[in-house]
């Protein structure tokens, strides 16, 4: 490797997110951030608002992003987590996950009813979990993050994240079977 390549690579790692990359980063990360908020707050409109706030904050702070400190998705999810925390602090109440998204076109009333009931049951079961477990589940299944990325965000070991998620899912399964019996 030439010395020029090494210097260029080091400068690239220290450059803030480039404007030209923003459209691709936005398109790639939008579903992940939105799904994270859907798991965390439940309400589609609130999730949309928080998602847009996340990208607004990221855009405004893009000059502070450093590739050598964290990947862009990790940095963006940190902003999203902080916004979720701020959202709950402002509300000072428990947000119910009973709201159901819009019905998909062509869905039968029976399927819609079953889906609403299952969503309500899952919401009740999630509400029984500790806050940390709910947040890790939202990051894993809502945002689709890996255990390694979650560990970095939550300041836990990757093994600890896996263990917590495993126990939380086991608790949800047991509750699901108990309610279904």
Protein backbone atom coordinates (compact mmCIF):
# COMPACT_ATOMS: atom_id res chain seq x y z
CA UNK A 1 0.00 0.00 0.00
CA UNK A 2 1.41 3.36 -0.98
CA UNK A 3 1.81 6.05 1.66
CA UNK A 4 -0.64 8.24 -0.28
CA UNK A 5 -3.33 5.53 -0.07
CA UNK A 6 -2.83 5.18 3.66
CA UNK A 7 -3.11 8.93 4.18
CA UNK A 8 -6.20 9.14 1.96
CA UNK A 9 -7.80 6.22 3.83
CA UNK A 10 -7.12 7.90 7.18
CA UNK A 11 -8.60 11.21 5.96
CA UNK A 12 -11.66 9.38 4.62
CA UNK A 13 -12.22 7.87 8.07
CA UNK A 14 -12.13 11.31 9.68
CA UNK A 15 -14.34 13.09 7.11
CA UNK A 16 -17.91 13.75 8.12
CA UNK A 17 -20.74 12.07 6.23
CA UNK A 18 -20.72 13.42 2.70
CA UNK A 19 -23.80 15.10 1.28
CA UNK A 20 -23.66 12.87 -1.80
CA UNK A 21 -23.96 9.78 0.41
CA UNK A 22 -26.97 11.13 2.31
CA UNK A 23 -29.71 9.94 -0.09
CA UNK A 24 -28.37 6.40 -0.12
CA UNK A 25 -27.88 6.36 3.66
CA UNK A 26 -31.38 7.73 4.20
CA UNK A 27 -33.00 5.17 1.89
CA UNK A 28 -31.05 2.34 3.50
CA UNK A 29 -31.68 3.31 7.14
CA UNK A 30 -35.25 4.71 7.01
CA UNK A 31 -37.03 1.34 7.47
CA UNK A 32 -34.71 0.33 10.31
CA UNK A 33 -35.22 3.58 12.24
CA UNK A 34 -39.00 3.60 11.62
CA UNK A 35 -39.36 -0.03 12.75
CA UNK A 36 -37.34 0.74 15.88
CA UNK A 37 -39.81 3.48 16.79
CA UNK A 38 -42.83 1.30 15.92
CA UNK A 39 -41.61 -1.21 18.49
CA UNK A 40 -40.80 1.48 21.04
CA UNK A 41 -43.85 3.77 20.83
CA UNK A 42 -46.38 1.71 18.89
CA UNK A 43 -48.28 4.64 17.41
CA UNK A 44 -47.54 4.96 13.68
CA UNK A 45 -47.86 8.75 13.60
CA UNK A 46 -45.54 9.21 16.58
CA UNK A 47 -43.08 6.72 15.08
CA UNK A 48 -43.09 8.71 11.84
CA UNK A 49 -42.50 11.97 13.70
CA UNK A 50 -39.63 10.52 15.72
CA UNK A 51 -38.14 8.99 12.57
CA UNK A 52 -38.17 12.32 10.80
CA UNK A 53 -36.67 14.02 13.87
CA UNK A 54 -33.90 11.42 13.90
CA UNK A 55 -32.92 12.20 10.32
CA UNK A 56 -33.24 15.94 10.89
CA UNK A 57 -30.88 15.73 13.86
CA UNK A 58 -28.48 13.50 11.92
CA UNK A 59 -28.48 15.93 8.98
CA UNK A 60 -27.86 18.90 11.26
CA UNK A 61 -25.03 17.05 13.06
CA UNK A 62 -23.53 15.33 10.01
CA UNK A 63 -20.34 17.37 10.36
CA UNK A 64 -19.77 15.72 13.76
CA UNK A 65 -20.09 12.13 12.46
CA UNK A 66 -16.75 10.31 12.35
CA UNK A 67 -16.41 7.01 10.54
CA UNK A 68 -13.54 5.93 12.77
CA UNK A 69 -15.71 6.06 15.91
CA UNK A 70 -18.84 4.22 14.77
CA UNK A 71 -20.62 3.03 11.67
CA UNK A 72 -23.32 5.32 10.33
CA UNK A 73 -26.19 2.96 11.37
CA UNK A 74 -24.79 2.83 14.92
CA UNK A 75 -24.50 6.61 15.07
CA UNK A 76 -28.03 7.02 13.67
CA UNK A 77 -29.53 4.49 16.12
CA UNK A 78 -27.85 6.33 18.99
CA UNK A 79 -29.68 9.46 17.90
CA UNK A 80 -32.92 7.45 17.63
CA UNK A 81 -32.49 5.94 21.10
CA UNK A 82 -31.90 9.37 22.59
CA UNK A 83 -35.03 10.71 20.89
CA UNK A 84 -37.06 7.77 22.22
CA UNK A 85 -35.77 8.48 25.72
CA UNK A 86 -36.64 12.17 25.35
CA UNK A 87 -40.08 11.23 24.05
CA UNK A 88 -40.83 9.14 27.15
CA UNK A 89 -39.43 11.79 29.47
CA UNK A 90 -41.73 14.40 27.96
CA UNK A 91 -44.79 12.17 28.16
CA UNK A 92 -44.14 10.80 31.65
CA UNK A 93 -46.67 8.08 31.06
CA UNK A 94 -46.68 4.56 29.71
CA UNK A 95 -47.39 4.45 26.00
CA UNK A 96 -49.71 1.63 25.03
CA UNK A 97 -48.91 -0.54 22.03
CA UNK A 98 -52.59 -1.33 21.47
CA UNK A 99 -52.84 0.84 18.35
CA UNK A 100 -52.82 -1.14 15.14
CA UNK A 101 -51.45 0.07 11.83
CA UNK A 102 -53.61 0.55 8.80
CA UNK A 103 -55.13 -2.57 7.30
CA UNK A 104 -53.36 -3.91 4.29
CA UNK A 105 -55.37 -3.84 1.08
CA UNK A 106 -57.23 -7.07 0.45
CA UNK A 107 -57.04 -8.30 4.04
CA UNK A 108 -60.15 -10.13 5.16
CA UNK A 109 -61.96 -8.93 8.29
CA UNK A 110 -61.17 -12.23 10.02
CA UNK A 111 -57.46 -11.89 9.26
CA UNK A 112 -57.52 -8.26 10.41
CA UNK A 113 -59.23 -9.24 13.66
CA UNK A 114 -56.76 -12.07 14.31
CA UNK A 115 -53.82 -9.77 13.58
CA UNK A 116 -55.21 -7.08 15.93
CA UNK A 117 -55.75 -9.62 18.69
CA UNK A 118 -52.25 -11.05 18.30
CA UNK A 119 -50.75 -7.57 18.25
CA UNK A 120 -52.69 -6.66 21.40
CA UNK A 121 -51.52 -9.87 23.10
CA UNK A 122 -47.90 -9.23 22.12
CA UNK A 123 -48.22 -5.64 23.33
CA UNK A 124 -49.52 -6.81 26.71
CA UNK A 125 -46.69 -9.30 27.02
CA UNK A 126 -44.06 -6.74 26.01
CA UNK A 127 -45.40 -4.35 28.64
CA UNK A 128 -44.60 -6.94 31.33
CA UNK A 129 -40.90 -6.92 30.41
CA UNK A 130 -38.41 -4.51 31.99
CA UNK A 131 -37.65 -1.35 30.02
CA UNK A 132 -34.15 -2.53 29.03
CA UNK A 133 -35.52 -5.79 27.63
CA UNK A 134 -38.18 -3.95 25.61
CA UNK A 135 -35.55 -1.62 24.20
CA UNK A 136 -33.25 -4.50 23.22
CA UNK A 137 -36.18 -6.30 21.56
CA UNK A 138 -37.05 -3.13 19.66
CA UNK A 139 -33.47 -2.82 18.44
CA UNK A 140 -33.23 -6.49 17.48
CA UNK A 141 -36.62 -7.15 15.92
CA UNK A 142 -37.83 -3.63 15.12
CA UNK A 143 -34.62 -2.11 13.82
CA UNK A 144 -33.08 -5.41 12.71
CA UNK A 145 -29.74 -4.72 14.38
CA UNK A 146 -27.21 -7.43 15.10
CA UNK A 147 -26.32 -8.35 18.66
CA UNK A 148 -22.92 -6.73 18.11
CA UNK A 149 -24.50 -3.41 17.06
CA UNK A 150 -26.94 -3.58 19.97
CA UNK A 151 -24.07 -4.27 22.37
CA UNK A 152 -22.26 -1.14 21.18
CA UNK A 153 -25.40 0.98 21.52
CA UNK A 154 -26.44 -0.39 24.91
CA UNK A 155 -22.91 -0.55 26.34
CA UNK A 156 -23.25 -4.27 27.06
CA UNK A 157 -21.24 -7.25 25.93
CA UNK A 158 -22.46 -9.09 22.86
CA UNK A 159 -22.93 -12.24 24.95
CA UNK A 160 -24.97 -10.32 27.51
CA UNK A 161 -27.23 -8.93 24.76
CA UNK A 162 -27.79 -12.45 23.42
CA UNK A 163 -28.61 -13.77 26.88
CA UNK A 164 -31.01 -10.95 27.70
CA UNK A 165 -32.78 -11.33 24.35
CA UNK A 166 -33.00 -15.10 24.77
CA UNK A 167 -34.55 -14.79 28.24
CA UNK A 168 -36.94 -12.07 27.08
CA UNK A 169 -38.11 -14.12 24.10
CA UNK A 170 -38.52 -17.18 26.31
CA UNK A 171 -40.64 -15.11 28.72
CA UNK A 172 -42.75 -13.83 25.83
CA UNK A 173 -43.25 -17.36 24.48
CA UNK A 174 -44.27 -18.66 27.90
CA UNK A 175 -46.71 -15.79 28.32
CA UNK A 176 -48.09 -16.34 24.83
CA UNK A 177 -48.68 -20.04 25.52
CA UNK A 178 -50.18 -19.29 28.93
CA UNK A 179 -52.63 -16.72 27.51
CA UNK A 180 -53.49 -18.99 24.59
CA UNK A 181 -54.27 -21.95 26.86
